[in-house]
C-alpha cells in the first residue's frame, strides 16, 4: 500500500491507498519541533491500528509520497524515510520531481508543493480549465488552463486565521467556534461573528472565482471549480460557484505523482 503525507502549516493529513482507493486517513497537528524519531513513533501508532498492516513500522507499506509546506518537517520526514523505510521507494515533492503539470509562473520554485499537487489531481479528475479552492491555514485559489498548465493563483487569509485575528484584535470579541449561524443577521455577538466568517468567506470565494474564471477562459462556465481542505464544508452550502468537493484532492495528487516518478527511481 502507498502512504501519502500532506504537511500543511496547521495540520498534517495522512492517507493510505490500496491501488487507486484511499482506505484509511488521519489528521494530526503539524509541529515543526517533532524529530524524525518522534514522527516515526507517531506513524507506527497510527498505522498499527489498521488491520491490513503489520505490527512493525513499514509492514505492508510499498511506497511513500510526501509534500510539505513546512521545510523543517520535510527535513525530518526525509530522515524518517531513510532510517525507518529504507527499502521502501519514497517520493518527496520538491523541484525536479516530475508532476506532469507545467508551471507557468514567474518563479515556479515559489509555488507551494501542495498547490501543484492539487493541480495534478484536478487535471486528472476533472480536466481543465479548472480552479482549485483549498480551505486551509490560508485559502488558496489555483488556476489550471485547458491544457493542464498551472498558470497562477490567489492567496488569502484562511478561516481560522480570521477567527483568531478577530478574537485577538477585537477588545470585546473572543475566539469562537466556526459554525453556521441561524441566520445572516446575528442575534448575538457569537452569531454575528459566525455570520461574518461563513457568509463573508462564501462571498469572497464567489467573487475571486468569478474574476479568475473570466481571465482563465472565454467561457467562464467551462471552468470547473473544485473545493478541498479541512474547512471546505463550512462554505460549500453557501458558495454558488463550487462544482465539486474532493476532500482528498492533495492525497490523490500525491498518489499520481508517486506513480509518475517511482519508475524513474
C-alpha atoms as a PDB file:
ATOM      1  CA  UNK A   1       0.000   0.000   0.000  1.00  0.00           C
ATOM      2  CA  UNK A   2       1.008   3.615  -0.573  1.00  0.00           C
ATOM      3  CA  UNK A   3       1.361   6.030   2.343  1.00  0.00           C
ATOM      4  CA  UNK A   4       0.737   9.672   1.380  1.00  0.00           C
ATOM      5  CA  UNK A   5       1.597  12.575   3.694  1.00  0.00           C
ATOM      6  CA  UNK A   6       0.459  16.169   3.155  1.00  0.00           C
ATOM      7  CA  UNK A   7       2.129  18.520   5.647  1.00  0.00           C
ATOM      8  CA  UNK A   8       0.294  21.827   5.987  1.00  0.00           C
ATOM      9  CA  UNK A   9       1.073  24.781   8.238  1.00  0.00           C
ATOM     10  CA  UNK A  10      -1.548  23.776  10.809  1.00  0.00           C
ATOM     11  CA  UNK A  11      -2.447  20.138  10.124  1.00  0.00           C
ATOM     12  CA  UNK A  12      -0.818  17.127   8.535  1.00  0.00           C
ATOM     13  CA  UNK A  13      -3.089  14.746   6.634  1.00  0.00           C
ATOM     14  CA  UNK A  14      -2.052  11.152   6.000  1.00  0.00           C
ATOM     15  CA  UNK A  15      -3.741   8.768   3.605  1.00  0.00           C
ATOM     16  CA  UNK A  16      -3.313   5.073   2.903  1.00  0.00           C
ATOM     17  CA  UNK A  17      -4.018   3.892  -0.637  1.00  0.00           C
ATOM     18  CA  UNK A  18      -4.744   0.375  -1.780  1.00  0.00           C
ATOM     19  CA  UNK A  19      -4.364   0.825  -5.529  1.00  0.00           C
ATOM     20  CA  UNK A  20      -6.462   3.840  -6.515  1.00  0.00           C
ATOM     21  CA  UNK A  21      -8.642   3.693  -3.413  1.00  0.00           C
ATOM     22  CA  UNK A  22      -7.971   5.542  -0.183  1.00  0.00           C
ATOM     23  CA  UNK A  23      -8.704   3.018   2.566  1.00  0.00           C
ATOM     24  CA  UNK A  24      -7.658   4.998   5.644  1.00  0.00           C
ATOM     25  CA  UNK A  25      -6.808   8.570   6.583  1.00  0.00           C
ATOM     26  CA  UNK A  26      -5.623  10.510   9.622  1.00  0.00           C
ATOM     27  CA  UNK A  27      -5.313  14.205  10.544  1.00  0.00           C
ATOM     28  CA  UNK A  28      -2.758  15.358  13.112  1.00  0.00           C
ATOM     29  CA  UNK A  29      -1.372  18.730  14.160  1.00  0.00           C
ATOM     30  CA  UNK A  30       1.753  19.951  12.398  1.00  0.00           C
ATOM     31  CA  UNK A  31       4.551  20.521  14.893  1.00  0.00           C
ATOM     32  CA  UNK A  32       7.841  21.792  13.482  1.00  0.00           C
ATOM     33  CA  UNK A  33       9.595  20.708  16.697  1.00  0.00           C
ATOM     34  CA  UNK A  34       8.968  16.982  16.208  1.00  0.00           C
ATOM     35  CA  UNK A  35      12.073  14.969  15.422  1.00  0.00           C
ATOM     36  CA  UNK A  36      12.302  12.137  12.923  1.00  0.00           C
ATOM     37  CA  UNK A  37      12.164   9.605  15.758  1.00  0.00           C
ATOM     38  CA  UNK A  38       9.019  11.188  17.205  1.00  0.00           C
ATOM     39  CA  UNK A  39       7.387  11.183  13.785  1.00  0.00           C
ATOM     40  CA  UNK A  40       8.272   7.519  13.327  1.00  0.00           C
ATOM     41  CA  UNK A  41       6.632   6.641  16.666  1.00  0.00           C
ATOM     42  CA  UNK A  42       3.542   8.615  15.662  1.00  0.00           C
ATOM     43  CA  UNK A  43       3.314   6.819  12.319  1.00  0.00           C
ATOM     44  CA  UNK A  44       3.714   3.455  13.989  1.00  0.00           C
ATOM     45  CA  UNK A  45       0.903   4.241  16.422  1.00  0.00           C
ATOM     46  CA  UNK A  46      -1.497   5.319  13.688  1.00  0.00           C
ATOM     47  CA  UNK A  47      -0.774   2.586  11.185  1.00  0.00           C
ATOM     48  CA  UNK A  48      -0.573  -0.102  13.829  1.00  0.00           C
ATOM     49  CA  UNK A  49      -4.340   0.248  14.216  1.00  0.00           C
ATOM     50  CA  UNK A  50      -5.033  -0.675  10.587  1.00  0.00           C
ATOM     51  CA  UNK A  51      -5.923  -4.362  10.049  1.00  0.00           C
ATOM     52  CA  UNK A  52      -4.148  -4.587   6.673  1.00  0.00           C
ATOM     53  CA  UNK A  53      -0.775  -3.505   8.056  1.00  0.00           C
ATOM     54  CA  UNK A  54       1.673  -5.414  10.231  1.00  0.00           C
ATOM     55  CA  UNK A  55       2.705  -4.559  13.769  1.00  0.00           C
ATOM     56  CA  UNK A  56       6.197  -3.375  12.815  1.00  0.00           C
ATOM     57  CA  UNK A  57       6.819   0.025  11.255  1.00  0.00           C
ATOM     58  CA  UNK A  58       6.776  -0.299   7.480  1.00  0.00           C
ATOM     59  CA  UNK A  59       4.948  -3.641   7.277  1.00  0.00           C
ATOM     60  CA  UNK A  60       2.586  -3.516   4.317  1.00  0.00           C
ATOM     61  CA  UNK A  61       3.858  -0.146   3.025  1.00  0.00           C
ATOM     62  CA  UNK A  62       5.114  -0.415  -0.564  1.00  0.00           C
ATOM     63  CA  UNK A  63       5.679   3.285  -1.241  1.00  0.00           C
ATOM     64  CA  UNK A  64       5.626   6.760   0.336  1.00  0.00           C
ATOM     65  CA  UNK A  65       4.751  10.142  -1.192  1.00  0.00           C
ATOM     66  CA  UNK A  66       5.232  13.375   0.752  1.00  0.00           C
ATOM     67  CA  UNK A  67       4.649  17.083   0.182  1.00  0.00           C
ATOM     68  CA  UNK A  68       5.224  19.744   2.825  1.00  0.00           C
ATOM     69  CA  UNK A  69       4.833  23.488   3.201  1.00  0.00           C
ATOM     70  CA  UNK A  70       6.990  23.425   6.366  1.00  0.00           C
ATOM     71  CA  UNK A  71      10.669  22.908   5.444  1.00  0.00           C
ATOM     72  CA  UNK A  72      11.747  21.693   8.895  1.00  0.00           C
ATOM     73  CA  UNK A  73       9.086  18.959   8.882  1.00  0.00           C
ATOM     74  CA  UNK A  74      10.059  17.929   5.351  1.00  0.00           C
ATOM     75  CA  UNK A  75      13.649  17.576   6.566  1.00  0.00           C
ATOM     76  CA  UNK A  76      12.601  15.306   9.426  1.00  0.00           C
ATOM     77  CA  UNK A  77      10.315  13.224   7.218  1.00  0.00           C
ATOM     78  CA  UNK A  78      13.194  12.740   4.801  1.00  0.00           C
ATOM     79  CA  UNK A  79      15.124  11.272   7.721  1.00  0.00           C
ATOM     80  CA  UNK A  80      12.138   9.080   8.637  1.00  0.00           C
ATOM     81  CA  UNK A  81      12.093   7.571   5.145  1.00  0.00           C
ATOM     82  CA  UNK A  82      15.853   6.978   5.259  1.00  0.00           C
ATOM     83  CA  UNK A  83      16.048   5.439   8.740  1.00  0.00           C
ATOM     84  CA  UNK A  84      12.769   3.578   9.082  1.00  0.00           C
ATOM     85  CA  UNK A  85      11.630   2.930   5.498  1.00  0.00           C
ATOM     86  CA  UNK A  86      14.985   2.448   3.830  1.00  0.00           C
ATOM     87  CA  UNK A  87      13.763  -0.301   1.498  1.00  0.00           C
ATOM     88  CA  UNK A  88      10.550   1.490   0.505  1.00  0.00           C
ATOM     89  CA  UNK A  89      10.523   3.813  -2.560  1.00  0.00           C
ATOM     90  CA  UNK A  90       9.793   7.366  -1.424  1.00  0.00           C
ATOM     91  CA  UNK A  91       8.918  10.466  -3.467  1.00  0.00           C
ATOM     92  CA  UNK A  92       9.277  13.844  -1.768  1.00  0.00           C
ATOM     93  CA  UNK A  93       7.718  16.585  -3.866  1.00  0.00           C
ATOM     94  CA  UNK A  94      10.309  19.286  -4.486  1.00  0.00           C
ATOM     95  CA  UNK A  95      11.959  20.934  -7.522  1.00  0.00           C
ATOM     96  CA  UNK A  96      12.995  18.271 -10.042  1.00  0.00           C
ATOM     97  CA  UNK A  97      10.163  15.861  -9.264  1.00  0.00           C
ATOM     98  CA  UNK A  98       8.066  15.001 -12.307  1.00  0.00           C
ATOM     99  CA  UNK A  99       4.449  16.117 -11.891  1.00  0.00           C
ATOM    100  CA  UNK A 100       3.218  16.313 -15.479  1.00  0.00           C
ATOM    101  CA  UNK A 101       1.885  19.846 -14.890  1.00  0.00           C
ATOM    102  CA  UNK A 102       3.873  22.749 -16.432  1.00  0.00           C
ATOM    103  CA  UNK A 103       4.180  25.697 -14.008  1.00  0.00           C
ATOM    104  CA  UNK A 104       3.727  28.998 -15.855  1.00  0.00           C
ATOM    105  CA  UNK A 105       4.628  31.461 -13.101  1.00  0.00           C
ATOM    106  CA  UNK A 106       7.445  33.990 -12.727  1.00  0.00           C
ATOM    107  CA  UNK A 107       9.313  31.711 -10.313  1.00  0.00           C
ATOM    108  CA  UNK A 108       7.990  28.126 -10.268  1.00  0.00           C
ATOM    109  CA  UNK A 109      10.090  27.306  -7.175  1.00  0.00           C
ATOM    110  CA  UNK A 110       7.995  29.750  -5.123  1.00  0.00           C
ATOM    111  CA  UNK A 111       4.749  27.833  -5.670  1.00  0.00           C
ATOM    112  CA  UNK A 112       3.831  25.616  -2.730  1.00  0.00           C
ATOM    113  CA  UNK A 113       4.166  21.899  -3.391  1.00  0.00           C
ATOM    114  CA  UNK A 114       0.619  21.264  -2.176  1.00  0.00           C
ATOM    115  CA  UNK A 115      -0.772  23.724  -4.734  1.00  0.00           C
ATOM    116  CA  UNK A 116       0.995  21.956  -7.591  1.00  0.00           C
ATOM    117  CA  UNK A 117      -0.163  18.585  -6.279  1.00  0.00           C
ATOM    118  CA  UNK A 118      -3.747  19.871  -6.174  1.00  0.00           C
ATOM    119  CA  UNK A 119      -3.404  20.965  -9.796  1.00  0.00           C
ATOM    120  CA  UNK A 120      -2.145  17.492 -10.757  1.00  0.00           C
ATOM    121  CA  UNK A 121      -5.202  15.853  -9.199  1.00  0.00           C
ATOM    122  CA  UNK A 122      -7.601  18.429 -10.646  1.00  0.00           C
ATOM    123  CA  UNK A 123      -6.337  17.808 -14.186  1.00  0.00           C
ATOM    124  CA  UNK A 124      -6.538  14.039 -13.736  1.00  0.00           C
ATOM    125  CA  UNK A 125     -10.018  14.002 -12.201  1.00  0.00           C
ATOM    126  CA  UNK A 126     -11.787  16.888 -13.911  1.00  0.00           C
ATOM    127  CA  UNK A 127      -9.595  18.219 -16.715  1.00  0.00           C
ATOM    128  CA  UNK A 128      -9.051  21.892 -17.466  1.00  0.00           C
ATOM    129  CA  UNK A 129      -9.746  24.689 -17.241  1.00  0.00           C
ATOM    130  CA  UNK A 130     -10.213  24.435 -13.501  1.00  0.00           C
ATOM    131  CA  UNK A 131      -9.859  26.396 -10.283  1.00  0.00           C
ATOM    132  CA  UNK A 132      -8.946  24.661  -7.026  1.00  0.00           C
ATOM    133  CA  UNK A 133     -10.055  26.369  -3.807  1.00  0.00           C
ATOM    134  CA  UNK A 134      -8.174  24.947  -0.831  1.00  0.00           C
ATOM    135  CA  UNK A 135      -9.515  25.913   2.598  1.00  0.00           C
ATOM    136  CA  UNK A 136      -6.502  25.548   4.879  1.00  0.00           C
ATOM    137  CA  UNK A 137      -4.420  27.880   7.042  1.00  0.00           C
ATOM    138  CA  UNK A 138      -4.626  30.150   4.018  1.00  0.00           C
ATOM    139  CA  UNK A 139      -7.422  29.999   1.472  1.00  0.00           C
ATOM    140  CA  UNK A 140      -5.709  29.445  -1.864  1.00  0.00           C
ATOM    141  CA  UNK A 141      -7.175  29.673  -5.351  1.00  0.00           C
ATOM    142  CA  UNK A 142      -5.180  27.912  -8.068  1.00  0.00           C
ATOM    143  CA  UNK A 143      -5.864  28.181 -11.795  1.00  0.00           C
ATOM    144  CA  UNK A 144      -5.289  25.372 -14.292  1.00  0.00           C
ATOM    145  CA  UNK A 145      -5.552  26.045 -18.017  1.00  0.00           C
ATOM    146  CA  UNK A 146      -7.446  23.988 -20.587  1.00  0.00           C
ATOM    147  CA  UNK A 147      -4.081  22.424 -21.498  1.00  0.00           C
ATOM    148  CA  UNK A 148      -3.413  21.314 -17.937  1.00  0.00           C
ATOM    149  CA  UNK A 149      -0.917  24.066 -17.077  1.00  0.00           C
ATOM    150  CA  UNK A 150      -0.634  25.702 -13.670  1.00  0.00           C
ATOM    151  CA  UNK A 151      -0.968  29.388 -14.507  1.00  0.00           C
ATOM    152  CA  UNK A 152      -1.067  31.068 -11.082  1.00  0.00           C
ATOM    153  CA  UNK A 153      -3.422  31.814  -8.250  1.00  0.00           C
ATOM    154  CA  UNK A 154      -4.572  33.835  -5.262  1.00  0.00           C
ATOM    155  CA  UNK A 155      -3.635  33.551  -1.583  1.00  0.00           C
ATOM    156  CA  UNK A 156      -5.990  34.933   1.078  1.00  0.00           C
ATOM    157  CA  UNK A 157      -6.125  34.616   4.888  1.00  0.00           C
ATOM    158  CA  UNK A 158      -7.784  31.390   5.956  1.00  0.00           C
ATOM    159  CA  UNK A 159     -10.902  30.959   8.052  1.00  0.00           C
ATOM    160  CA  UNK A 160      -9.126  30.022  11.279  1.00  0.00           C
ATOM    161  CA  UNK A 161      -6.624  32.879  10.898  1.00  0.00           C
ATOM    162  CA  UNK A 162      -9.507  35.330  10.526  1.00  0.00           C
ATOM    163  CA  UNK A 163     -11.341  33.949  13.562  1.00  0.00           C
ATOM    164  CA  UNK A 164      -8.179  34.166  15.653  1.00  0.00           C
ATOM    165  CA  UNK A 165      -7.456  37.718  14.486  1.00  0.00           C
ATOM    166  CA  UNK A 166     -10.968  38.861  15.447  1.00  0.00           C
ATOM    167  CA  UNK A 167     -10.579  37.345  18.904  1.00  0.00           C
ATOM    168  CA  UNK A 168      -7.161  38.892  19.459  1.00  0.00           C
ATOM    169  CA  UNK A 169      -7.699  42.356  17.981  1.00  0.00           C
ATOM    170  CA  UNK A 170     -11.331  42.932  18.984  1.00  0.00           C
ATOM    171  CA  UNK A 171     -11.467  44.271  22.535  1.00  0.00           C
ATOM    172  CA  UNK A 172     -14.960  42.878  23.170  1.00  0.00           C
ATOM    173  CA  UNK A 173     -14.653  39.841  20.907  1.00  0.00           C
ATOM    174  CA  UNK A 174     -13.353  36.359  21.588  1.00  0.00           C
ATOM    175  CA  UNK A 175     -12.366  33.268  19.661  1.00  0.00           C
ATOM    176  CA  UNK A 176     -15.466  31.345  18.599  1.00  0.00           C
ATOM    177  CA  UNK A 177     -16.420  28.011  17.142  1.00  0.00           C
ATOM    178  CA  UNK A 178     -16.601  28.160  13.358  1.00  0.00           C
ATOM    179  CA  UNK A 179     -20.185  27.091  12.693  1.00  0.00           C
ATOM    180  CA  UNK A 180     -23.110  28.157  10.514  1.00  0.00           C
ATOM    181  CA  UNK A 181     -25.342  30.613  12.440  1.00  0.00           C
ATOM    182  CA  UNK A 182     -29.151  30.573  12.471  1.00  0.00           C
ATOM    183  CA  UNK A 183     -29.316  33.472  10.024  1.00  0.00           C
ATOM    184  CA  UNK A 184     -27.162  36.077   8.319  1.00  0.00           C
ATOM    185  CA  UNK A 185     -28.338  38.705  10.785  1.00  0.00           C
ATOM    186  CA  UNK A 186     -26.804  37.589  14.061  1.00  0.00           C
ATOM    187  CA  UNK A 187     -28.865  37.964  17.237  1.00  0.00           C
ATOM    188  CA  UNK A 188     -25.790  37.960  19.474  1.00  0.00           C
ATOM    189  CA  UNK A 189     -22.049  38.597  19.191  1.00  0.00           C
ATOM    190  CA  UNK A 190     -21.112  34.974  18.548  1.00  0.00           C
ATOM    191  CA  UNK A 191     -23.694  34.547  15.790  1.00  0.00           C
ATOM    192  CA  UNK A 192     -22.718  37.881  14.259  1.00  0.00           C
ATOM    193  CA  UNK A 193     -19.075  36.742  14.093  1.00  0.00           C
ATOM    194  CA  UNK A 194     -20.060  33.355  12.705  1.00  0.00           C
ATOM    195  CA  UNK A 195     -22.152  35.039  10.013  1.00  0.00           C
ATOM    196  CA  UNK A 196     -19.270  37.294   9.088  1.00  0.00           C
ATOM    197  CA  UNK A 197     -16.926  34.332   8.746  1.00  0.00           C
ATOM    198  CA  UNK A 198     -19.199  31.863   6.938  1.00  0.00           C
ATOM    199  CA  UNK A 199     -21.027  34.238   4.608  1.00  0.00           C
ATOM    200  CA  UNK A 200     -18.068  36.565   4.261  1.00  0.00           C
ATOM    201  CA  UNK A 201     -15.837  33.749   3.065  1.00  0.00           C
ATOM    202  CA  UNK A 202     -18.553  32.408   0.768  1.00  0.00           C
ATOM    203  CA  UNK A 203     -18.798  35.863  -0.813  1.00  0.00           C
ATOM    204  CA  UNK A 204     -15.018  36.045  -1.103  1.00  0.00           C
ATOM    205  CA  UNK A 205     -14.895  32.672  -2.853  1.00  0.00           C
ATOM    206  CA  UNK A 206     -17.638  33.629  -5.302  1.00  0.00           C
ATOM    207  CA  UNK A 207     -16.035  36.985  -6.096  1.00  0.00           C
ATOM    208  CA  UNK A 208     -12.489  35.714  -6.567  1.00  0.00           C
ATOM    209  CA  UNK A 209     -13.520  32.628  -8.545  1.00  0.00           C
ATOM    210  CA  UNK A 210     -15.740  34.620 -10.911  1.00  0.00           C
ATOM    211  CA  UNK A 211     -12.898  37.020 -11.677  1.00  0.00           C
ATOM    212  CA  UNK A 212     -10.395  34.217 -12.159  1.00  0.00           C
ATOM    213  CA  UNK A 213     -12.762  32.280 -14.413  1.00  0.00           C
ATOM    214  CA  UNK A 214     -13.179  35.300 -16.705  1.00  0.00           C
ATOM    215  CA  UNK A 215      -9.395  35.513 -17.103  1.00  0.00           C
ATOM    216  CA  UNK A 216      -8.958  31.763 -17.462  1.00  0.00           C
ATOM    217  CA  UNK A 217     -11.489  31.062 -20.210  1.00  0.00           C
ATOM    218  CA  UNK A 218     -13.507  32.884 -22.855  1.00  0.00           C
ATOM    219  CA  UNK A 219     -16.475  30.962 -21.452  1.00  0.00           C
ATOM    220  CA  UNK A 220     -16.303  31.073 -17.635  1.00  0.00           C
ATOM    221  CA  UNK A 221     -18.972  28.360 -17.433  1.00  0.00           C
ATOM    222  CA  UNK A 222     -16.411  25.899 -18.836  1.00  0.00           C
ATOM    223  CA  UNK A 223     -14.236  26.279 -15.724  1.00  0.00           C
ATOM    224  CA  UNK A 224     -14.649  23.520 -13.118  1.00  0.00           C
ATOM    225  CA  UNK A 225     -14.323  24.787  -9.528  1.00  0.00           C
ATOM    226  CA  UNK A 226     -13.096  22.201  -7.027  1.00  0.00           C
ATOM    227  CA  UNK A 227     -13.126  22.712  -3.257  1.00  0.00           C
ATOM    228  CA  UNK A 228     -10.805  20.872  -0.888  1.00  0.00           C
ATOM    229  CA  UNK A 229      -9.257  21.352   2.551  1.00  0.00           C
ATOM    230  CA  UNK A 230     -10.464  20.678   6.071  1.00  0.00           C
ATOM    231  CA  UNK A 231     -12.669  23.773   6.324  1.00  0.00           C
ATOM    232  CA  UNK A 232     -14.337  23.470   2.910  1.00  0.00           C
ATOM    233  CA  UNK A 233     -17.622  22.040   4.330  1.00  0.00           C
ATOM    234  CA  UNK A 234     -18.247  25.343   6.142  1.00  0.00           C
ATOM    235  CA  UNK A 235     -18.544  27.216   2.839  1.00  0.00           C
ATOM    236  CA  UNK A 236     -19.851  24.576   0.432  1.00  0.00           C
ATOM    237  CA  UNK A 237     -23.523  25.195   1.091  1.00  0.00           C
ATOM    238  CA  UNK A 238     -23.207  28.976   0.825  1.00  0.00           C
ATOM    239  CA  UNK A 239     -20.999  29.397  -2.243  1.00  0.00           C
ATOM    240  CA  UNK A 240     -22.675  29.499  -5.659  1.00  0.00           C
ATOM    241  CA  UNK A 241     -19.585  28.700  -7.743  1.00  0.00           C
ATOM    242  CA  UNK A 242     -18.222  25.406  -6.370  1.00  0.00           C
ATOM    243  CA  UNK A 243     -18.889  22.469  -8.706  1.00  0.00           C
ATOM    244  CA  UNK A 244     -17.031  19.640  -6.979  1.00  0.00           C
ATOM    245  CA  UNK A 245     -15.895  18.779  -3.464  1.00  0.00           C
ATOM    246  CA  UNK A 246     -12.925  16.428  -3.180  1.00  0.00           C
ATOM    247  CA  UNK A 247     -11.608  16.306   0.408  1.00  0.00           C
ATOM    248  CA  UNK A 248      -8.686  14.051  -0.549  1.00  0.00           C
ATOM    249  CA  UNK A 249      -7.536  16.033  -3.596  1.00  0.00           C
ATOM    250  CA  UNK A 250      -3.977  16.537  -2.316  1.00  0.00           C
ATOM    251  CA  UNK A 251      -3.577  12.904  -1.303  1.00  0.00           C
ATOM    252  CA  UNK A 252      -4.838  11.772  -4.728  1.00  0.00           C
ATOM    253  CA  UNK A 253      -2.346  14.135  -6.345  1.00  0.00           C
ATOM    254  CA  UNK A 254       0.448  12.630  -4.251  1.00  0.00           C
ATOM    255  CA  UNK A 255      -0.531   9.150  -5.440  1.00  0.00           C
ATOM    256  CA  UNK A 256      -0.417  10.326  -9.050  1.00  0.00           C
ATOM    257  CA  UNK A 257       2.979  11.985  -8.646  1.00  0.00           C
ATOM    258  CA  UNK A 258       4.350   8.888  -6.929  1.00  0.00           C
ATOM    259  CA  UNK A 259       3.217   6.737  -9.851  1.00  0.00           C
ATOM    260  CA  UNK A 260       4.841   9.134 -12.331  1.00  0.00           C
ATOM    261  CA  UNK A 261       8.181   9.085 -10.539  1.00  0.00           C
ATOM    262  CA  UNK A 262       8.643   5.664  -8.985  1.00  0.00           C
ATOM    263  CA  UNK A 263       9.585   4.024 -12.275  1.00  0.00           C
ATOM    264  CA  UNK A 264      12.420   6.543 -12.655  1.00  0.00           C
ATOM    265  CA  UNK A 265      13.988   5.737  -9.275  1.00  0.00           C
END
